[in-house]
Amino acid sequence: MRYVYISLIVVVTAVVLLFKIQNFDAVTVSLFGAGITMPTSLLIIVVYTLGMVTGSALLGLLRGWVKGAMRQGG
């Protein structure tokens, strides 16, 4: 099972590196008059990371609401 995990990590790393190499074109993102130029791959990684952070924060918030409702109702 250990070799499966290692090979999976190697494959995912290779795919990420290939993605990074092939998407090196610059893109400009503008918001409220401010703009930033960065490679497409970096933009996608930043947006993905922000999505993971907000998703986990929302999940934690919902868990807290459910636990609070269970305490009051139970």
PDB file of N, CA and C in Angstrom:
ATOM      1  N   MET A   1       0.824  -1.190   0.000  1.00  0.00           N
ATOM      2  CA  MET A   1       0.000   0.000   0.000  1.00  0.00           C
ATOM      3  C   MET A   1       0.871   1.258   0.000  1.00  0.00           C
ATOM      4  N   ARG A   2       2.030   1.147   0.633  1.00  0.00           N
ATOM      5  CA  ARG A   2       2.948   2.279   0.687  1.00  0.00           C
ATOM      6  C   ARG A   2       3.402   2.676  -0.706  1.00  0.00           C
ATOM      7  N   TYR A   3       3.666   1.685  -1.554  1.00  0.00           N
ATOM      8  CA  TYR A   3       4.124   1.975  -2.915  1.00  0.00           C
ATOM      9  C   TYR A   3       3.020   2.616  -3.753  1.00  0.00           C
ATOM     10  N   VAL A   4       1.793   2.293  -3.460  1.00  0.00           N
ATOM     11  CA  VAL A   4       0.670   2.914  -4.167  1.00  0.00           C
ATOM     12  C   VAL A   4       0.621   4.403  -3.841  1.00  0.00           C
ATOM     13  N   TYR A   5       0.767   4.751  -2.562  1.00  0.00           N
ATOM     14  CA  TYR A   5       0.769   6.158  -2.168  1.00  0.00           C
ATOM     15  C   TYR A   5       1.942   6.913  -2.790  1.00  0.00           C
ATOM     16  N   ILE A   6       3.114   6.305  -2.765  1.00  0.00           N
ATOM     17  CA  ILE A   6       4.295   6.954  -3.340  1.00  0.00           C
ATOM     18  C   ILE A   6       4.118   7.162  -4.834  1.00  0.00           C
ATOM     19  N   SER A   7       3.619   6.155  -5.535  1.00  0.00           N
ATOM     20  CA  SER A   7       3.421   6.307  -6.977  1.00  0.00           C
ATOM     21  C   SER A   7       2.328   7.327  -7.276  1.00  0.00           C
ATOM     22  N   LEU A   8       1.306   7.395  -6.452  1.00  0.00           N
ATOM     23  CA  LEU A   8       0.254   8.395  -6.630  1.00  0.00           C
ATOM     24  C   LEU A   8       0.806   9.807  -6.431  1.00  0.00           C
ATOM     25  N   ILE A   9       1.653   9.987  -5.438  1.00  0.00           N
ATOM     26  CA  ILE A   9       2.279  11.288  -5.206  1.00  0.00           C
ATOM     27  C   ILE A   9       3.171  11.671  -6.378  1.00  0.00           C
ATOM     28  N   VAL A  10       3.911  10.728  -6.920  1.00  0.00           N
ATOM     29  CA  VAL A  10       4.781  11.003  -8.068  1.00  0.00           C
ATOM     30  C   VAL A  10       3.951  11.404  -9.281  1.00  0.00           C
ATOM     31  N   VAL A  11       2.855  10.707  -9.537  1.00  0.00           N
ATOM     32  CA  VAL A  11       2.005  11.017 -10.694  1.00  0.00           C
ATOM     33  C   VAL A  11       1.361  12.391 -10.532  1.00  0.00           C
ATOM     34  N   VAL A  12       0.829  12.687  -9.359  1.00  0.00           N
ATOM     35  CA  VAL A  12       0.195  13.986  -9.130  1.00  0.00           C
ATOM     36  C   VAL A  12       1.219  15.111  -9.255  1.00  0.00           C
ATOM     37  N   THR A  13       2.409  14.912  -8.724  1.00  0.00           N
ATOM     38  CA  THR A  13       3.464  15.916  -8.844  1.00  0.00           C
ATOM     39  C   THR A  13       3.846  16.141 -10.294  1.00  0.00           C
ATOM     40  N   ALA A  14       3.945  15.079 -11.074  1.00  0.00           N
ATOM     41  CA  ALA A  14       4.272  15.215 -12.496  1.00  0.00           C
ATOM     42  C   ALA A  14       3.184  15.974 -13.242  1.00  0.00           C
ATOM     43  N   VAL A  15       1.932  15.691 -12.937  1.00  0.00           N
ATOM     44  CA  VAL A  15       0.826  16.388 -13.602  1.00  0.00           C
ATOM     45  C   VAL A  15       0.830  17.871 -13.233  1.00  0.00           C
ATOM     46  N   VAL A  16       1.076  18.188 -11.975  1.00  0.00           N
ATOM     47  CA  VAL A  16       1.122  19.588 -11.546  1.00  0.00           C
ATOM     48  C   VAL A  16       2.274  20.323 -12.224  1.00  0.00           C
ATOM     49  N   LEU A  17       3.435  19.698 -12.303  1.00  0.00           N
ATOM     50  CA  LEU A  17       4.569  20.327 -12.979  1.00  0.00           C
ATOM     51  C   LEU A  17       4.296  20.520 -14.462  1.00  0.00           C
ATOM     52  N   LEU A  18       3.692  19.548 -15.100  1.00  0.00           N
ATOM     53  CA  LEU A  18       3.336  19.678 -16.510  1.00  0.00           C
ATOM     54  C   LEU A  18       2.333  20.812 -16.705  1.00  0.00           C
ATOM     55  N   PHE A  19       1.360  20.905 -15.829  1.00  0.00           N
ATOM     56  CA  PHE A  19       0.383  21.994 -15.883  1.00  0.00           C
ATOM     57  C   PHE A  19       1.075  23.344 -15.731  1.00  0.00           C
ATOM     58  N   LYS A  20       1.999  23.427 -14.788  1.00  0.00           N
ATOM     59  CA  LYS A  20       2.726  24.677 -14.541  1.00  0.00           C
ATOM     60  C   LYS A  20       3.551  25.087 -15.755  1.00  0.00           C
ATOM     61  N   ILE A  21       4.196  24.151 -16.398  1.00  0.00           N
ATOM     62  CA  ILE A  21       5.032  24.445 -17.564  1.00  0.00           C
ATOM     63  C   ILE A  21       4.179  24.888 -18.744  1.00  0.00           C
ATOM     64  N   GLN A  22       3.051  24.249 -18.958  1.00  0.00           N
ATOM     65  CA  GLN A  22       2.239  24.543 -20.134  1.00  0.00           C
ATOM     66  C   GLN A  22       1.356  25.781 -19.969  1.00  0.00           C
ATOM     67  N   ASN A  23       1.163  26.277 -18.762  1.00  0.00           N
ATOM     68  CA  ASN A  23       0.301  27.440 -18.528  1.00  0.00           C
ATOM     69  C   ASN A  23       1.096  28.583 -17.924  1.00  0.00           C
ATOM     70  N   PHE A  24       2.158  28.976 -18.599  1.00  0.00           N
ATOM     71  CA  PHE A  24       3.018  30.025 -18.084  1.00  0.00           C
ATOM     72  C   PHE A  24       2.690  31.384 -18.692  1.00  0.00           C
ATOM     73  N   ASP A  25       1.663  31.471 -19.534  1.00  0.00           N
ATOM     74  CA  ASP A  25       1.266  32.748 -20.123  1.00  0.00           C
ATOM     75  C   ASP A  25       0.749  33.677 -19.030  1.00  0.00           C
ATOM     76  N   ALA A  26       1.016  34.967 -19.200  1.00  0.00           N
ATOM     77  CA  ALA A  26       0.601  35.950 -18.198  1.00  0.00           C
ATOM     78  C   ALA A  26      -0.854  36.342 -18.406  1.00  0.00           C
ATOM     79  N   VAL A  27      -1.537  36.574 -17.300  1.00  0.00           N
ATOM     80  CA  VAL A  27      -2.919  37.025 -17.321  1.00  0.00           C
ATOM     81  C   VAL A  27      -3.042  38.156 -16.293  1.00  0.00           C
ATOM     82  N   THR A  28      -3.868  39.150 -16.601  1.00  0.00           N
ATOM     83  CA  THR A  28      -4.067  40.277 -15.695  1.00  0.00           C
ATOM     84  C   THR A  28      -5.447  40.168 -15.056  1.00  0.00           C
ATOM     85  N   VAL A  29      -5.473  40.264 -13.737  1.00  0.00           N
ATOM     86  CA  VAL A  29      -6.719  40.221 -12.980  1.00  0.00           C
ATOM     87  C   VAL A  29      -6.947  41.613 -12.404  1.00  0.00           C
ATOM     88  N   SER A  30      -8.128  42.173 -12.642  1.00  0.00           N
ATOM     89  CA  SER A  30      -8.458  43.516 -12.147  1.00  0.00           C
ATOM     90  C   SER A  30      -9.644  43.440 -11.201  1.00  0.00           C
ATOM     91  N   LEU A  31      -9.559  44.197 -10.106  1.00  0.00           N
ATOM     92  CA  LEU A  31     -10.646  44.275  -9.140  1.00  0.00           C
ATOM     93  C   LEU A  31     -10.629  45.665  -8.516  1.00  0.00           C
ATOM     94  N   PHE A  32     -11.715  46.404  -8.679  1.00  0.00           N
ATOM     95  CA  PHE A  32     -11.867  47.752  -8.131  1.00  0.00           C
ATOM     96  C   PHE A  32     -10.740  48.683  -8.568  1.00  0.00           C
ATOM     97  N   GLY A  33     -10.346  48.594  -9.800  1.00  0.00           N
ATOM     98  CA  GLY A  33      -9.326  49.477 -10.345  1.00  0.00           C
ATOM     99  C   GLY A  33      -7.899  49.013 -10.125  1.00  0.00           C
ATOM    100  N   ALA A  34      -7.681  48.072  -9.245  1.00  0.00           N
ATOM    101  CA  ALA A  34      -6.340  47.539  -9.017  1.00  0.00           C
ATOM    102  C   ALA A  34      -6.158  46.304  -9.890  1.00  0.00           C
ATOM    103  N   GLY A  35      -4.975  46.137 -10.430  1.00  0.00           N
ATOM    104  CA  GLY A  35      -4.719  44.988 -11.284  1.00  0.00           C
ATOM    105  C   GLY A  35      -3.412  44.316 -10.929  1.00  0.00           C
ATOM    106  N   ILE A  36      -3.342  43.032 -11.196  1.00  0.00           N
ATOM    107  CA  ILE A  36      -2.127  42.264 -10.964  1.00  0.00           C
ATOM    108  C   ILE A  36      -1.938  41.314 -12.138  1.00  0.00           C
ATOM    109  N   THR A  37      -0.708  41.176 -12.578  1.00  0.00           N
ATOM    110  CA  THR A  37      -0.381  40.275 -13.677  1.00  0.00           C
ATOM    111  C   THR A  37       0.421  39.108 -13.122  1.00  0.00           C
ATOM    112  N   MET A  38       0.002  37.901 -13.465  1.00  0.00           N
ATOM    113  CA  MET A  38       0.683  36.695 -12.986  1.00  0.00           C
ATOM    114  C   MET A  38       0.482  35.579 -13.997  1.00  0.00           C
ATOM    115  N   PRO A  39       1.276  34.522 -13.911  1.00  0.00           N
ATOM    116  CA  PRO A  39       1.068  33.378 -14.796  1.00  0.00           C
ATOM    117  C   PRO A  39      -0.282  32.709 -14.525  1.00  0.00           C
ATOM    118  N   THR A  40      -0.859  32.139 -15.563  1.00  0.00           N
ATOM    119  CA  THR A  40      -2.168  31.486 -15.442  1.00  0.00           C
ATOM    120  C   THR A  40      -2.142  30.371 -14.406  1.00  0.00           C
ATOM    121  N   SER A  41      -1.085  29.580 -14.403  1.00  0.00           N
ATOM    122  CA  SER A  41      -1.013  28.466 -13.457  1.00  0.00           C
ATOM    123  C   SER A  41      -0.994  28.964 -12.017  1.00  0.00           C
ATOM    124  N   LEU A  42      -0.293  30.054 -11.758  1.00  0.00           N
ATOM    125  CA  LEU A  42      -0.262  30.607 -10.405  1.00  0.00           C
ATOM    126  C   LEU A  42      -1.629  31.132  -9.997  1.00  0.00           C
ATOM    127  N   LEU A  43      -2.319  31.768 -10.920  1.00  0.00           N
ATOM    128  CA  LEU A  43      -3.669  32.265 -10.644  1.00  0.00           C
ATOM    129  C   LEU A  43      -4.605  31.116 -10.276  1.00  0.00           C
ATOM    130  N   ILE A  44      -4.546  30.037 -11.023  1.00  0.00           N
ATOM    131  CA  ILE A  44      -5.422  28.893 -10.752  1.00  0.00           C
ATOM    132  C   ILE A  44      -5.090  28.273  -9.399  1.00  0.00           C
ATOM    133  N   ILE A  45      -3.806  28.175  -9.066  1.00  0.00           N
ATOM    134  CA  ILE A  45      -3.413  27.612  -7.776  1.00  0.00           C
ATOM    135  C   ILE A  45      -3.888  28.512  -6.634  1.00  0.00           C
ATOM    136  N   VAL A  46      -3.768  29.831  -6.792  1.00  0.00           N
ATOM    137  CA  VAL A  46      -4.221  30.769  -5.760  1.00  0.00           C
ATOM    138  C   VAL A  46      -5.735  30.675  -5.575  1.00  0.00           C
ATOM    139  N   VAL A  47      -6.476  30.646  -6.671  1.00  0.00           N
ATOM    140  CA  VAL A  47      -7.938  30.555  -6.585  1.00  0.00           C
ATOM    141  C   VAL A  47      -8.357  29.229  -5.955  1.00  0.00           C
ATOM    142  N   TYR A  48      -7.693  28.148  -6.310  1.00  0.00           N
ATOM    143  CA  TYR A  48      -7.996  26.841  -5.729  1.00  0.00           C
ATOM    144  C   TYR A  48      -7.738  26.852  -4.218  1.00  0.00           C
ATOM    145  N   THR A  49      -6.614  27.426  -3.805  1.00  0.00           N
ATOM    146  CA  THR A  49      -6.286  27.495  -2.383  1.00  0.00           C
ATOM    147  C   THR A  49      -7.296  28.349  -1.623  1.00  0.00           C
ATOM    148  N   LEU A  50      -7.676  29.491  -2.192  1.00  0.00           N
ATOM    149  CA  LEU A  50      -8.694  30.325  -1.549  1.00  0.00           C
ATOM    150  C   LEU A  50     -10.026  29.587  -1.442  1.00  0.00           C
ATOM    151  N   GLY A  51     -10.360  28.803  -2.436  1.00  0.00           N
ATOM    152  CA  GLY A  51     -11.581  28.006  -2.383  1.00  0.00           C
ATOM    153  C   GLY A  51     -11.536  26.958  -1.288  1.00  0.00           C
ATOM    154  N   MET A  52     -10.374  26.318  -1.114  1.00  0.00           N
ATOM    155  CA  MET A  52     -10.240  25.332  -0.042  1.00  0.00           C
ATOM    156  C   MET A  52     -10.377  25.988   1.326  1.00  0.00           C
ATOM    157  N   VAL A  53      -9.774  27.161   1.488  1.00  0.00           N
ATOM    158  CA  VAL A  53      -9.836  27.861   2.776  1.00  0.00           C
ATOM    159  C   VAL A  53     -11.264  28.290   3.087  1.00  0.00           C
ATOM    160  N   THR A  54     -11.940  28.901   2.123  1.00  0.00           N
ATOM    161  CA  THR A  54     -13.315  29.343   2.380  1.00  0.00           C
ATOM    162  C   THR A  54     -14.258  28.159   2.549  1.00  0.00           C
ATOM    163  N   GLY A  55     -14.027  27.090   1.823  1.00  0.00           N
ATOM    164  CA  GLY A  55     -14.868  25.904   1.970  1.00  0.00           C
ATOM    165  C   GLY A  55     -14.728  25.269   3.336  1.00  0.00           C
ATOM    166  N   SER A  56     -13.492  25.171   3.834  1.00  0.00           N
ATOM    167  CA  SER A  56     -13.303  24.580   5.158  1.00  0.00           C
ATOM    168  C   SER A  56     -13.832  25.502   6.253  1.00  0.00           C
ATOM    169  N   ALA A  57     -13.717  26.815   6.057  1.00  0.00           N
ATOM    170  CA  ALA A  57     -14.278  27.752   7.037  1.00  0.00           C
ATOM    171  C   ALA A  57     -15.797  27.639   7.071  1.00  0.00           C
ATOM    172  N   LEU A  58     -16.417  27.530   5.913  1.00  0.00           N
ATOM    173  CA  LEU A  58     -17.867  27.380   5.857  1.00  0.00           C
ATOM    174  C   LEU A  58     -18.304  26.066   6.491  1.00  0.00           C
ATOM    175  N   LEU A  59     -17.555  25.008   6.251  1.00  0.00           N
ATOM    176  CA  LEU A  59     -17.879  23.719   6.852  1.00  0.00           C
ATOM    177  C   LEU A  59     -17.792  23.795   8.373  1.00  0.00           C
ATOM    178  N   GLY A  60     -16.761  24.453   8.892  1.00  0.00           N
ATOM    179  CA  GLY A  60     -16.634  24.626  10.338  1.00  0.00           C
ATOM    180  C   GLY A  60     -17.768  25.449  10.917  1.00  0.00           C
ATOM    181  N   LEU A  61     -18.171  26.486  10.205  1.00  0.00           N
ATOM    182  CA  LEU A  61     -19.293  27.317  10.645  1.00  0.00           C
ATOM    183  C   LEU A  61     -20.587  26.513  10.685  1.00  0.00           C
ATOM    184  N   LEU A  62     -20.834  25.736   9.654  1.00  0.00           N
ATOM    185  CA  LEU A  62     -22.049  24.918   9.618  1.00  0.00           C
ATOM    186  C   LEU A  62     -22.046  23.861  10.713  1.00  0.00           C
ATOM    187  N   ARG A  63     -20.894  23.259  10.975  1.00  0.00           N
ATOM    188  CA  ARG A  63     -20.810  22.276  12.061  1.00  0.00           C
ATOM    189  C   ARG A  63     -21.141  22.921  13.403  1.00  0.00           C
ATOM    190  N   GLY A  64     -20.635  24.133  13.615  1.00  0.00           N
ATOM    191  CA  GLY A  64     -20.939  24.845  14.860  1.00  0.00           C
ATOM    192  C   GLY A  64     -22.416  25.138  14.999  1.00  0.00           C
ATOM    193  N   TRP A  65     -23.047  25.542  13.900  1.00  0.00           N
ATOM    194  CA  TRP A  65     -24.485  25.813  13.941  1.00  0.00           C
ATOM    195  C   TRP A  65     -25.275  24.548  14.243  1.00  0.00           C
ATOM    196  N   VAL A  66     -24.891  23.449  13.633  1.00  0.00           N
ATOM    197  CA  VAL A  66     -25.607  22.187  13.856  1.00  0.00           C
ATOM    198  C   VAL A  66     -25.421  21.725  15.294  1.00  0.00           C
ATOM    199  N   LYS A  67     -24.196  21.802  15.819  1.00  0.00           N
ATOM    200  CA  LYS A  67     -23.965  21.393  17.208  1.00  0.00           C
ATOM    201  C   LYS A  67     -24.745  22.279  18.172  1.00  0.00           C
ATOM    202  N   GLY A  68     -24.798  23.580  17.903  1.00  0.00           N
ATOM    203  CA  GLY A  68     -25.573  24.487  18.753  1.00  0.00           C
ATOM    204  C   GLY A  68     -27.057  24.181  18.706  1.00  0.00           C
ATOM    205  N   ALA A  69     -27.564  23.867  17.532  1.00  0.00           N
ATOM    206  CA  ALA A  69     -28.978  23.533  17.393  1.00  0.00           C
ATOM    207  C   ALA A  69     -29.294  22.211  18.083  1.00  0.00           C
ATOM    208  N   MET A  70     -28.360  21.260  18.033  1.00  0.00           N
ATOM    209  CA  MET A  70     -28.580  19.963  18.686  1.00  0.00           C
ATOM    210  C   MET A  70     -28.603  20.130  20.207  1.00  0.00           C
ATOM    211  N   ARG A  71     -27.746  21.015  20.739  1.00  0.00           N
ATOM    212  CA  ARG A  71     -27.726  21.240  22.187  1.00  0.00           C
ATOM    213  C   ARG A  71     -29.013  21.897  22.669  1.00  0.00           C
ATOM    214  N   GLN A  72     -29.507  22.865  21.910  1.00  0.00           N
ATOM    215  CA  GLN A  72     -30.718  23.574  22.314  1.00  0.00           C
ATOM    216  C   GLN A  72     -31.959  22.711  22.131  1.00  0.00           C
ATOM    217  N   GLY A  73     -31.972  21.903  21.097  1.00  0.00           N
ATOM    218  CA  GLY A  73     -33.157  21.094  20.813  1.00  0.00           C
ATOM    219  C   GLY A  73     -33.165  19.767  21.548  1.00  0.00           C
ATOM    220  N   GLY A  74     -32.008  19.299  21.987  1.00  0.00           N
ATOM    221  CA  GLY A  74     -31.932  17.965  22.555  1.00  0.00           C
ATOM    222  C   GLY A  74     -31.915  17.965  24.008  1.00  0.00           C
TER     223      GLY A  74
END
